[in-house]
């Protein structure tokens, strides 16, 4: 039995970018990982749903304010990467 592997920070950025693109109905290629999500129009409902997606997909608890505490895809991915390393 192998241990689960922690995703790379880049794979988290890619996954989050895809999810954000879906919520905003934009091509993920249009999402810059360094631009605040609020500038793209991500609202609180979508941010909360994004946190739920992370919990469901990666199996870690995510504070509902995480998308505001870490306001860019890159910042959120860095936070989640550390959380996953600590959980793994």
C-alpha atoms as a PDB file:
ATOM      1  CA  UNK A   1       0.000   0.000   0.000  1.00  0.00           C
ATOM      2  CA  UNK A   2       1.487   3.336  -1.004  1.00  0.00           C
ATOM      3  CA  UNK A   3       1.144   6.544   0.932  1.00  0.00           C
ATOM      4  CA  UNK A   4      -0.856   9.331  -0.657  1.00  0.00           C
ATOM      5  CA  UNK A   5       1.317  11.908  -2.329  1.00  0.00           C
ATOM      6  CA  UNK A   6       1.038  15.610  -1.687  1.00  0.00           C
ATOM      7  CA  UNK A   7       0.316  17.497  -4.896  1.00  0.00           C
ATOM      8  CA  UNK A   8       2.879  20.012  -6.036  1.00  0.00           C
ATOM      9  CA  UNK A   9       2.182  23.682  -5.569  1.00  0.00           C
ATOM     10  CA  UNK A  10       1.964  24.040  -9.361  1.00  0.00           C
ATOM     11  CA  UNK A  11      -0.583  21.232  -9.638  1.00  0.00           C
ATOM     12  CA  UNK A  12      -2.651  23.002  -6.964  1.00  0.00           C
ATOM     13  CA  UNK A  13      -2.419  26.250  -8.947  1.00  0.00           C
ATOM     14  CA  UNK A  14      -3.583  24.409 -12.066  1.00  0.00           C
ATOM     15  CA  UNK A  15      -6.456  22.690 -10.231  1.00  0.00           C
ATOM     16  CA  UNK A  16      -7.598  25.917  -8.554  1.00  0.00           C
ATOM     17  CA  UNK A  17      -7.356  27.847 -11.825  1.00  0.00           C
ATOM     18  CA  UNK A  18      -9.603  25.290 -13.503  1.00  0.00           C
ATOM     19  CA  UNK A  19     -12.161  25.461 -10.672  1.00  0.00           C
ATOM     20  CA  UNK A  20     -12.126  29.284 -10.585  1.00  0.00           C
ATOM     21  CA  UNK A  21     -12.539  29.362 -14.355  1.00  0.00           C
ATOM     22  CA  UNK A  22     -15.570  27.087 -14.062  1.00  0.00           C
ATOM     23  CA  UNK A  23     -17.203  29.289 -11.411  1.00  0.00           C
ATOM     24  CA  UNK A  24     -16.539  32.435 -13.422  1.00  0.00           C
ATOM     25  CA  UNK A  25     -17.457  30.792 -16.735  1.00  0.00           C
ATOM     26  CA  UNK A  26     -14.062  31.728 -18.142  1.00  0.00           C
ATOM     27  CA  UNK A  27     -11.359  29.807 -19.880  1.00  0.00           C
ATOM     28  CA  UNK A  28      -8.796  28.869 -17.201  1.00  0.00           C
ATOM     29  CA  UNK A  29      -6.108  30.330 -19.491  1.00  0.00           C
ATOM     30  CA  UNK A  30      -7.661  33.756 -18.785  1.00  0.00           C
ATOM     31  CA  UNK A  31      -7.079  33.408 -15.032  1.00  0.00           C
ATOM     32  CA  UNK A  32      -3.793  34.930 -13.840  1.00  0.00           C
ATOM     33  CA  UNK A  33      -2.719  33.215 -10.624  1.00  0.00           C
ATOM     34  CA  UNK A  34      -1.379  36.509  -9.221  1.00  0.00           C
ATOM     35  CA  UNK A  35      -4.542  38.592  -9.718  1.00  0.00           C
ATOM     36  CA  UNK A  36      -6.924  38.807  -6.742  1.00  0.00           C
ATOM     37  CA  UNK A  37      -9.969  36.605  -7.249  1.00  0.00           C
ATOM     38  CA  UNK A  38     -12.254  39.504  -6.334  1.00  0.00           C
ATOM     39  CA  UNK A  39     -10.964  41.385  -9.384  1.00  0.00           C
ATOM     40  CA  UNK A  40     -12.360  38.579 -11.533  1.00  0.00           C
ATOM     41  CA  UNK A  41     -15.711  38.931  -9.795  1.00  0.00           C
ATOM     42  CA  UNK A  42     -15.542  35.818  -7.634  1.00  0.00           C
ATOM     43  CA  UNK A  43     -18.301  36.351  -5.083  1.00  0.00           C
ATOM     44  CA  UNK A  44     -18.665  34.927  -1.582  1.00  0.00           C
ATOM     45  CA  UNK A  45     -20.939  32.092  -2.726  1.00  0.00           C
ATOM     46  CA  UNK A  46     -18.416  30.935  -5.326  1.00  0.00           C
ATOM     47  CA  UNK A  47     -15.535  31.357  -2.843  1.00  0.00           C
ATOM     48  CA  UNK A  48     -17.359  29.202  -0.290  1.00  0.00           C
ATOM     49  CA  UNK A  49     -18.095  26.610  -2.968  1.00  0.00           C
ATOM     50  CA  UNK A  50     -14.422  26.627  -3.972  1.00  0.00           C
ATOM     51  CA  UNK A  51     -13.437  25.902  -0.368  1.00  0.00           C
ATOM     52  CA  UNK A  52     -15.936  23.026  -0.349  1.00  0.00           C
ATOM     53  CA  UNK A  53     -14.428  21.674  -3.572  1.00  0.00           C
ATOM     54  CA  UNK A  54     -10.989  21.684  -1.957  1.00  0.00           C
ATOM     55  CA  UNK A  55     -12.323  19.827   1.091  1.00  0.00           C
ATOM     56  CA  UNK A  56     -14.054  17.236  -1.098  1.00  0.00           C
ATOM     57  CA  UNK A  57     -11.154  16.754  -3.512  1.00  0.00           C
ATOM     58  CA  UNK A  58      -8.199  16.832  -1.110  1.00  0.00           C
ATOM     59  CA  UNK A  59      -9.864  15.695   2.129  1.00  0.00           C
ATOM     60  CA  UNK A  60      -8.637  18.556   4.294  1.00  0.00           C
ATOM     61  CA  UNK A  61     -10.724  21.095   6.204  1.00  0.00           C
ATOM     62  CA  UNK A  62     -10.618  24.576   4.713  1.00  0.00           C
ATOM     63  CA  UNK A  63     -11.669  27.707   6.550  1.00  0.00           C
ATOM     64  CA  UNK A  64     -14.562  29.320   4.652  1.00  0.00           C
ATOM     65  CA  UNK A  65     -12.613  32.600   4.568  1.00  0.00           C
ATOM     66  CA  UNK A  66      -9.547  31.028   2.916  1.00  0.00           C
ATOM     67  CA  UNK A  67     -10.318  32.534  -0.500  1.00  0.00           C
ATOM     68  CA  UNK A  68     -10.339  35.995   1.095  1.00  0.00           C
ATOM     69  CA  UNK A  69      -7.398  35.379   3.455  1.00  0.00           C
ATOM     70  CA  UNK A  70      -5.332  34.144   0.492  1.00  0.00           C
ATOM     71  CA  UNK A  71      -6.826  36.302  -2.281  1.00  0.00           C
ATOM     72  CA  UNK A  72      -5.017  34.971  -5.359  1.00  0.00           C
ATOM     73  CA  UNK A  73      -4.851  31.490  -6.830  1.00  0.00           C
ATOM     74  CA  UNK A  74      -1.103  31.443  -6.133  1.00  0.00           C
ATOM     75  CA  UNK A  75      -1.517  32.500  -2.488  1.00  0.00           C
ATOM     76  CA  UNK A  76      -4.333  30.012  -1.907  1.00  0.00           C
ATOM     77  CA  UNK A  77      -2.341  27.212  -3.536  1.00  0.00           C
ATOM     78  CA  UNK A  78       0.655  27.973  -1.304  1.00  0.00           C
ATOM     79  CA  UNK A  79      -1.547  27.862   1.788  1.00  0.00           C
ATOM     80  CA  UNK A  80      -3.212  24.611   0.725  1.00  0.00           C
ATOM     81  CA  UNK A  81       0.126  23.035  -0.154  1.00  0.00           C
ATOM     82  CA  UNK A  82       1.394  23.699   3.383  1.00  0.00           C
ATOM     83  CA  UNK A  83      -1.847  22.339   4.857  1.00  0.00           C
ATOM     84  CA  UNK A  84      -1.593  19.185   2.747  1.00  0.00           C
ATOM     85  CA  UNK A  85       2.041  18.655   3.742  1.00  0.00           C
ATOM     86  CA  UNK A  86       1.086  18.982   7.412  1.00  0.00           C
ATOM     87  CA  UNK A  87      -1.836  16.584   6.967  1.00  0.00           C
ATOM     88  CA  UNK A  88       0.162  14.061   4.943  1.00  0.00           C
END
